[in-house]
N, C-alpha and C. Protein backbone atom coordinates (compact mmCIF):
# COMPACT_ATOMS: atom_id res chain seq x y z
N MET A 1 11.70 13.83 8.53
CA MET A 1 10.70 12.95 7.97
C MET A 1 9.66 13.24 8.89
N LYS A 2 8.53 13.23 8.31
CA LYS A 2 7.19 13.58 9.19
C LYS A 2 6.65 12.35 9.99
N ARG A 3 6.28 12.55 11.07
CA ARG A 3 5.72 11.29 11.83
C ARG A 3 4.28 11.66 12.30
N LEU A 4 3.52 10.72 12.20
CA LEU A 4 2.03 10.84 12.69
C LEU A 4 1.86 10.44 14.03
N TYR A 5 1.29 11.54 14.90
CA TYR A 5 1.29 11.17 16.32
C TYR A 5 0.01 11.80 16.79
N ARG A 6 -0.35 11.62 18.39
CA ARG A 6 -1.44 12.34 18.73
C ARG A 6 -1.00 13.66 19.10
N SER A 7 -1.64 14.66 18.81
CA SER A 7 -1.33 16.00 19.24
C SER A 7 -1.70 16.14 20.77
N VAL A 8 -0.87 16.88 21.65
CA VAL A 8 -1.12 17.35 22.86
C VAL A 8 -1.50 18.58 23.00
N LYS A 9 -1.02 19.45 21.87
CA LYS A 9 -1.11 20.76 21.93
C LYS A 9 -2.71 21.23 21.31
N ASP A 10 -3.09 20.24 20.42
CA ASP A 10 -4.44 20.55 19.76
C ASP A 10 -5.36 19.36 19.97
N GLN A 11 -5.97 19.16 21.14
CA GLN A 11 -6.59 17.84 20.95
C GLN A 11 -8.01 18.48 21.91
N LYS A 12 -9.01 17.74 21.28
CA LYS A 12 -10.30 17.91 21.89
C LYS A 12 -10.63 16.74 22.76
N LEU A 13 -10.42 15.51 22.05
CA LEU A 13 -10.70 14.27 22.77
C LEU A 13 -9.35 13.45 23.09
N GLY A 14 -8.89 12.96 22.24
CA GLY A 14 -7.45 12.17 22.24
C GLY A 14 -6.41 12.82 21.44
N GLY A 15 -6.54 13.47 20.71
CA GLY A 15 -5.48 14.26 19.99
C GLY A 15 -5.34 13.58 18.51
N VAL A 16 -6.02 12.64 18.09
CA VAL A 16 -5.80 11.87 16.90
C VAL A 16 -6.15 13.07 15.79
N MET A 17 -7.15 13.85 15.55
CA MET A 17 -7.66 14.61 14.66
C MET A 17 -6.50 15.83 14.59
N GLY A 18 -6.06 16.24 15.88
CA GLY A 18 -5.39 17.31 15.92
C GLY A 18 -3.79 16.88 15.21
N GLY A 19 -3.28 15.49 15.60
CA GLY A 19 -1.97 15.15 15.10
C GLY A 19 -2.26 14.73 13.53
N LEU A 20 -3.41 14.32 12.97
CA LEU A 20 -3.58 14.08 11.62
C LEU A 20 -3.61 15.50 10.91
N GLY A 21 -4.08 16.52 11.53
CA GLY A 21 -4.24 17.80 10.91
C GLY A 21 -2.86 18.50 10.64
N GLU A 22 -1.85 18.14 11.61
CA GLU A 22 -0.67 18.70 11.59
C GLU A 22 0.36 17.91 10.56
N TYR A 23 -0.06 16.52 10.59
CA TYR A 23 0.71 15.61 9.72
C TYR A 23 0.38 16.10 8.28
N LEU A 24 -0.99 16.57 8.09
CA LEU A 24 -1.28 16.89 6.53
C LEU A 24 -1.15 18.35 6.29
N ASN A 25 -0.63 19.11 7.34
CA ASN A 25 -0.54 20.53 7.00
C ASN A 25 -1.85 21.25 6.73
N VAL A 26 -2.96 20.69 7.48
CA VAL A 26 -4.24 21.41 7.33
C VAL A 26 -4.60 21.81 8.74
N ASP A 27 -5.64 22.76 8.89
CA ASP A 27 -6.32 23.12 10.08
C ASP A 27 -6.98 21.68 10.64
N PRO A 28 -6.62 21.36 11.93
CA PRO A 28 -7.41 20.28 12.54
C PRO A 28 -8.63 20.32 12.50
N ASN A 29 -9.40 21.49 12.52
CA ASN A 29 -10.69 21.64 12.42
C ASN A 29 -11.44 21.30 11.20
N ILE A 30 -10.73 21.31 10.14
CA ILE A 30 -11.22 20.77 8.88
C ILE A 30 -11.12 19.39 9.02
N VAL A 31 -10.15 18.69 9.46
CA VAL A 31 -10.08 17.16 9.59
C VAL A 31 -11.26 16.65 10.30
N ARG A 32 -11.58 17.52 11.41
CA ARG A 32 -12.63 16.98 12.32
C ARG A 32 -14.10 17.40 11.53
N LEU A 33 -14.23 18.58 10.75
CA LEU A 33 -15.35 18.45 9.86
C LEU A 33 -15.40 17.24 9.12
N LEU A 34 -14.40 16.84 8.25
CA LEU A 34 -14.44 15.86 7.48
C LEU A 34 -14.60 14.71 8.07
N ALA A 35 -14.36 14.20 9.25
CA ALA A 35 -14.68 13.19 10.17
C ALA A 35 -16.32 13.12 10.57
N VAL A 36 -16.66 14.43 10.71
CA VAL A 36 -18.23 14.42 11.01
C VAL A 36 -19.01 14.11 9.75
N VAL A 37 -18.53 14.49 8.42
CA VAL A 37 -19.31 14.02 7.09
C VAL A 37 -19.07 12.51 7.07
N VAL A 38 -17.96 11.87 7.25
CA VAL A 38 -17.76 10.38 7.16
C VAL A 38 -18.63 9.72 8.08
N TRP A 39 -18.91 10.25 9.38
CA TRP A 39 -19.60 9.85 10.11
C TRP A 39 -21.23 9.67 9.83
N VAL A 40 -21.72 10.66 9.06
CA VAL A 40 -22.93 10.82 8.76
C VAL A 40 -23.06 9.74 7.65
N ILE A 41 -21.87 9.63 6.73
CA ILE A 41 -22.14 8.84 5.42
C ILE A 41 -22.21 7.42 5.88
N THR A 42 -21.25 7.02 6.65
CA THR A 42 -20.75 5.71 6.97
C THR A 42 -21.56 4.97 8.14
N GLY A 43 -21.96 5.93 9.14
CA GLY A 43 -22.37 5.72 10.30
C GLY A 43 -21.42 5.73 11.34
N PHE A 44 -22.02 5.70 12.64
CA PHE A 44 -21.17 5.96 13.97
C PHE A 44 -20.15 5.01 14.29
N ILE A 45 -20.35 3.65 14.09
CA ILE A 45 -19.49 2.43 14.46
C ILE A 45 -18.03 2.53 13.82
N PRO A 46 -18.17 2.51 12.38
CA PRO A 46 -16.96 2.58 11.43
C PRO A 46 -15.71 3.61 11.89
N LEU A 47 -16.31 4.86 12.39
CA LEU A 47 -15.42 5.95 12.51
C LEU A 47 -15.18 5.76 13.98
N LEU A 48 -15.99 5.36 14.92
CA LEU A 48 -15.62 4.92 16.41
C LEU A 48 -14.44 4.02 16.60
N ILE A 49 -14.56 3.09 15.63
CA ILE A 49 -13.45 2.00 15.72
C ILE A 49 -12.36 2.57 15.19
N ALA A 50 -12.21 3.35 14.01
CA ALA A 50 -11.21 3.69 13.40
C ALA A 50 -10.38 4.74 14.44
N TYR A 51 -11.19 5.56 15.11
CA TYR A 51 -10.60 6.48 16.06
C TYR A 51 -10.21 5.97 17.15
N LEU A 52 -10.65 4.83 18.05
CA LEU A 52 -10.16 4.27 19.07
C LEU A 52 -8.94 3.42 18.49
N VAL A 53 -8.74 2.76 17.41
CA VAL A 53 -7.65 2.05 17.01
C VAL A 53 -6.49 3.06 16.92
N ALA A 54 -6.66 4.32 16.25
CA ALA A 54 -5.74 5.22 16.22
C ALA A 54 -5.37 5.86 17.49
N TRP A 55 -6.32 5.98 18.40
CA TRP A 55 -5.91 6.62 19.62
C TRP A 55 -4.84 5.60 20.53
N MET A 56 -5.15 4.40 20.21
CA MET A 56 -4.23 3.19 20.82
C MET A 56 -3.08 2.99 20.38
N ILE A 57 -2.94 3.18 18.91
CA ILE A 57 -1.60 2.49 18.49
C ILE A 57 -0.77 4.07 18.13
N LEU A 58 -1.11 5.30 17.98
CA LEU A 58 -0.35 6.22 17.73
C LEU A 58 0.45 6.66 18.88
N PRO A 59 1.54 7.14 18.79
CA PRO A 59 2.15 7.68 20.22
C PRO A 59 1.97 9.24 20.32
N GLU A 60 1.90 9.69 21.27
CA GLU A 60 1.84 11.14 21.82
C GLU A 60 2.84 11.76 21.21
N GLU A 61 2.77 13.32 20.96
CA GLU A 61 3.84 14.01 20.50
C GLU A 61 4.89 14.18 21.25
N GLU A 62 6.21 13.95 20.93
CA GLU A 62 7.35 13.97 21.63
C GLU A 62 7.56 15.60 21.92
N GLY A 63 8.11 15.69 23.22
CA GLY A 63 8.41 17.09 23.85
C GLY A 63 7.43 17.85 23.86
N ALA A 64 6.32 17.52 24.15
CA ALA A 64 5.08 18.40 24.36
C ALA A 64 5.44 19.05 25.74
N GLY A 65 5.46 18.42 26.64
CA GLY A 65 5.85 18.98 27.99
C GLY A 65 6.81 19.86 28.23
N GLU A 66 7.71 19.87 27.35
CA GLU A 66 8.81 20.69 27.56
C GLU A 66 8.75 22.09 26.89
N ASN A 67 9.52 23.21 28.03
CA ASN A 67 9.29 24.34 27.32
C ASN A 67 10.58 24.95 27.20
């Protein structure tokens, strides 16, 4: 079963977009690009609130520090 989490390997700010990209099996840069498009269409505040909520409630990727 797939789980949504914040990526530790592919993070620019908090790992939310990297984790979402891994969950959807798409390049996280595409997810980031779509987020910018949503930002332009809806404005800054709704996307900022959604990102902060996701950052707070999503767990970090398990086993990221293990080699």
